[in-house]
Amino acid sequence: MASLGPFAEISRIQNEINRLIENLLELRSSGGDAGGDWLPNSDVYETDKDLVVTFEVPGVDAEHVSIAINGNSLVLRGDKRRRDPSEQTQFHCLERGFGRFKRVVHISTPVNTHAAMAILSEGVLKVTFPKVPNRRGEEVPIPIKDLA
């Protein structure tokens, strides 16, 4: 993969800032119920036929996660539970996030939400939406009749 130099790093930082701002705004508008103890990373990309959203949720079982579409927002909620080896465990370093989480991703591509499919595998939740033709916002020619 070719390196894009500083532009790739700037883009990554901007995406992270946008994600933090989005979650802070969600937190403010929901009265404090958004976000949670940690936020799963996500990727959004398109193929010719689908829009795909992936979330990194390592250590989260399918029964502890839910995903729903609400208008143009894809809402992921869940709970990543800590699995301590024993009650007498003494941690020297604890960096992994645990607890409740909520992540909202804006969907701007026209998709068929009723045909969405979600698969959780190896700590990655992949949500696939079939794309539909954009009926709004596209240029539609209007025929002109010449009455002369």
Protein backbone atom coordinates (compact mmCIF):
# COMPACT_ATOMS: atom_id res chain seq x y z
CA MET A 1 0.00 0.00 0.00
CA ALA A 2 1.47 3.35 -1.02
CA SER A 3 2.06 5.88 1.73
CA LEU A 4 0.18 9.14 1.39
CA GLY A 5 2.52 10.84 3.82
CA PRO A 6 1.23 13.53 6.13
CA PHE A 7 -2.14 13.77 4.35
CA ALA A 8 -3.17 10.31 5.52
CA GLU A 9 -2.30 11.21 9.12
CA ILE A 10 -4.16 14.54 8.88
CA SER A 11 -7.21 12.71 7.50
CA ARG A 12 -7.06 10.15 10.32
CA ILE A 13 -6.83 12.90 12.95
CA GLN A 14 -9.72 14.82 11.36
CA ASN A 15 -11.87 11.67 11.34
CA GLU A 16 -11.11 11.09 15.01
CA ILE A 17 -11.96 14.72 15.88
CA ASN A 18 -15.23 14.44 13.92
CA ARG A 19 -16.07 11.22 15.77
CA LEU A 20 -15.41 12.82 19.16
CA ILE A 21 -17.48 15.90 18.32
CA GLU A 22 -20.32 13.72 16.99
CA ASN A 23 -20.37 11.72 20.21
CA LEU A 24 -20.18 14.83 22.41
CA LEU A 25 -23.15 16.34 20.56
CA GLU A 26 -25.03 13.06 20.93
CA LEU A 27 -24.21 13.05 24.65
CA ARG A 28 -25.53 16.60 25.08
CA SER A 29 -28.76 15.96 23.13
CA SER A 30 -29.54 12.69 24.93
CA GLY A 31 -29.21 13.99 28.46
CA GLY A 32 -26.08 12.01 29.23
CA ASP A 33 -27.06 8.53 28.04
CA ALA A 34 -24.86 8.49 24.94
CA GLY A 35 -21.31 7.36 24.53
CA GLY A 36 -20.86 5.17 27.53
CA ASP A 37 -17.61 3.97 29.00
CA TRP A 38 -15.87 3.43 25.66
CA LEU A 39 -16.57 3.94 21.95
CA PRO A 40 -16.02 1.27 19.32
CA ASN A 41 -14.14 2.40 16.21
CA SER A 42 -16.03 2.19 12.93
CA ASP A 43 -15.43 2.26 9.18
CA VAL A 44 -18.00 3.19 6.53
CA TYR A 45 -17.45 2.29 2.89
CA GLU A 46 -19.35 1.57 -0.34
CA THR A 47 -19.13 -1.06 -3.01
CA ASP A 48 -21.03 -1.00 -6.30
CA LYS A 49 -24.05 -2.63 -4.66
CA ASP A 50 -23.75 -2.07 -0.89
CA LEU A 51 -23.01 0.41 1.87
CA VAL A 52 -21.02 -1.29 4.64
CA VAL A 53 -20.45 -0.15 8.22
CA THR A 54 -18.06 -2.06 10.45
CA PHE A 55 -17.55 -1.68 14.19
CA GLU A 56 -14.67 -3.02 16.27
CA VAL A 57 -16.25 -4.74 19.27
CA PRO A 58 -13.63 -7.21 20.52
CA GLY A 59 -14.76 -9.27 23.48
CA VAL A 60 -18.44 -8.41 23.00
CA ASP A 61 -20.84 -11.31 22.59
CA ALA A 62 -23.75 -11.04 20.14
CA GLU A 63 -26.29 -11.20 22.98
CA HIS A 64 -24.75 -8.06 24.53
CA VAL A 65 -25.01 -5.86 21.45
CA SER A 66 -27.90 -4.38 19.47
CA ILE A 67 -28.01 -2.44 16.22
CA ALA A 68 -30.90 -0.42 14.79
CA ILE A 69 -31.56 2.19 12.14
CA ASN A 70 -33.37 5.36 13.20
CA GLY A 71 -33.97 7.73 10.28
CA ASN A 72 -30.52 8.32 8.80
CA SER A 73 -28.69 7.14 11.91
CA LEU A 74 -27.30 3.68 12.54
CA VAL A 75 -27.28 3.16 16.31
CA LEU A 76 -25.04 0.56 17.97
CA ARG A 77 -25.54 -0.17 21.68
CA GLY A 78 -23.98 -2.77 23.87
CA ASP A 79 -22.07 -3.81 26.92
CA LYS A 80 -18.50 -5.10 26.96
CA ARG A 81 -18.12 -7.10 30.13
CA ARG A 82 -14.85 -7.47 31.97
CA ARG A 83 -13.71 -11.04 32.46
CA ASP A 84 -11.30 -10.97 35.39
CA PRO A 85 -9.24 -14.14 35.83
CA SER A 86 -10.14 -14.25 39.55
CA GLU A 87 -11.12 -12.02 42.43
CA GLN A 88 -7.52 -11.93 43.61
CA THR A 89 -6.15 -10.55 40.35
CA GLN A 90 -3.88 -7.56 40.66
CA PHE A 91 -3.56 -5.62 37.41
CA HIS A 92 -0.31 -3.91 36.49
CA CYS A 93 -1.80 -2.23 33.43
CA LEU A 94 -5.42 -1.94 32.33
CA GLU A 95 -5.90 -0.17 28.98
CA ARG A 96 -8.81 -1.99 27.36
CA GLY A 97 -12.21 -0.33 27.57
CA PHE A 98 -15.14 -2.05 29.24
CA GLY A 99 -18.72 -1.14 30.04
CA ARG A 100 -21.74 0.17 28.20
CA PHE A 101 -21.35 1.85 24.84
CA LYS A 102 -23.42 3.63 22.24
CA ARG A 103 -22.18 4.66 18.83
CA VAL A 104 -24.18 6.55 16.20
CA VAL A 105 -23.12 6.61 12.54
CA HIS A 106 -24.85 8.88 10.02
CA ILE A 107 -25.96 7.11 6.81
CA SER A 108 -25.99 9.54 3.88
CA THR A 109 -26.31 7.04 1.01
CA PRO A 110 -29.80 5.86 0.01
CA VAL A 111 -30.08 2.26 1.22
CA ASN A 112 -32.70 -0.43 1.77
CA THR A 113 -32.82 -0.56 5.57
CA HIS A 114 -35.27 -3.48 5.56
CA ALA A 115 -32.75 -5.70 3.76
CA ALA A 116 -29.81 -4.90 6.07
CA MET A 117 -27.71 -7.78 7.34
CA ALA A 118 -25.39 -7.78 10.38
CA ILE A 119 -22.67 -10.35 11.09
CA LEU A 120 -20.42 -10.47 14.17
CA SER A 121 -17.17 -12.32 13.54
CA GLU A 122 -13.78 -12.15 15.25
CA GLY A 123 -14.64 -8.97 17.15
CA VAL A 124 -15.91 -7.06 14.10
CA LEU A 125 -19.60 -6.31 13.57
CA LYS A 126 -20.26 -5.83 9.84
CA VAL A 127 -23.56 -4.24 8.80
CA THR A 128 -24.37 -4.35 5.08
CA PHE A 129 -27.10 -2.30 3.42
CA PRO A 130 -28.08 -2.80 -0.23
CA LYS A 131 -27.95 0.55 -2.01
CA VAL A 132 -31.03 1.89 -3.79
CA PRO A 133 -31.25 4.47 -6.58
CA ASN A 134 -31.17 8.03 -5.28
CA ARG A 135 -34.55 9.50 -6.07
CA ARG A 136 -33.90 12.77 -4.24
CA GLY A 137 -31.22 15.26 -5.02
CA GLU A 138 -30.50 13.94 -8.49
CA GLU A 139 -31.08 15.92 -11.63
CA VAL A 140 -34.23 14.89 -13.44
CA PRO A 141 -34.72 16.34 -16.91
CA ILE A 142 -38.14 17.84 -17.67
CA PRO A 143 -39.26 17.62 -21.28
CA ILE A 144 -40.25 20.88 -22.94
CA LYS A 145 -43.20 20.93 -25.34
CA ASP A 146 -43.05 23.41 -28.16
CA LEU A 147 -46.56 24.79 -28.71
CA ALA A 148 -45.55 27.04 -31.58
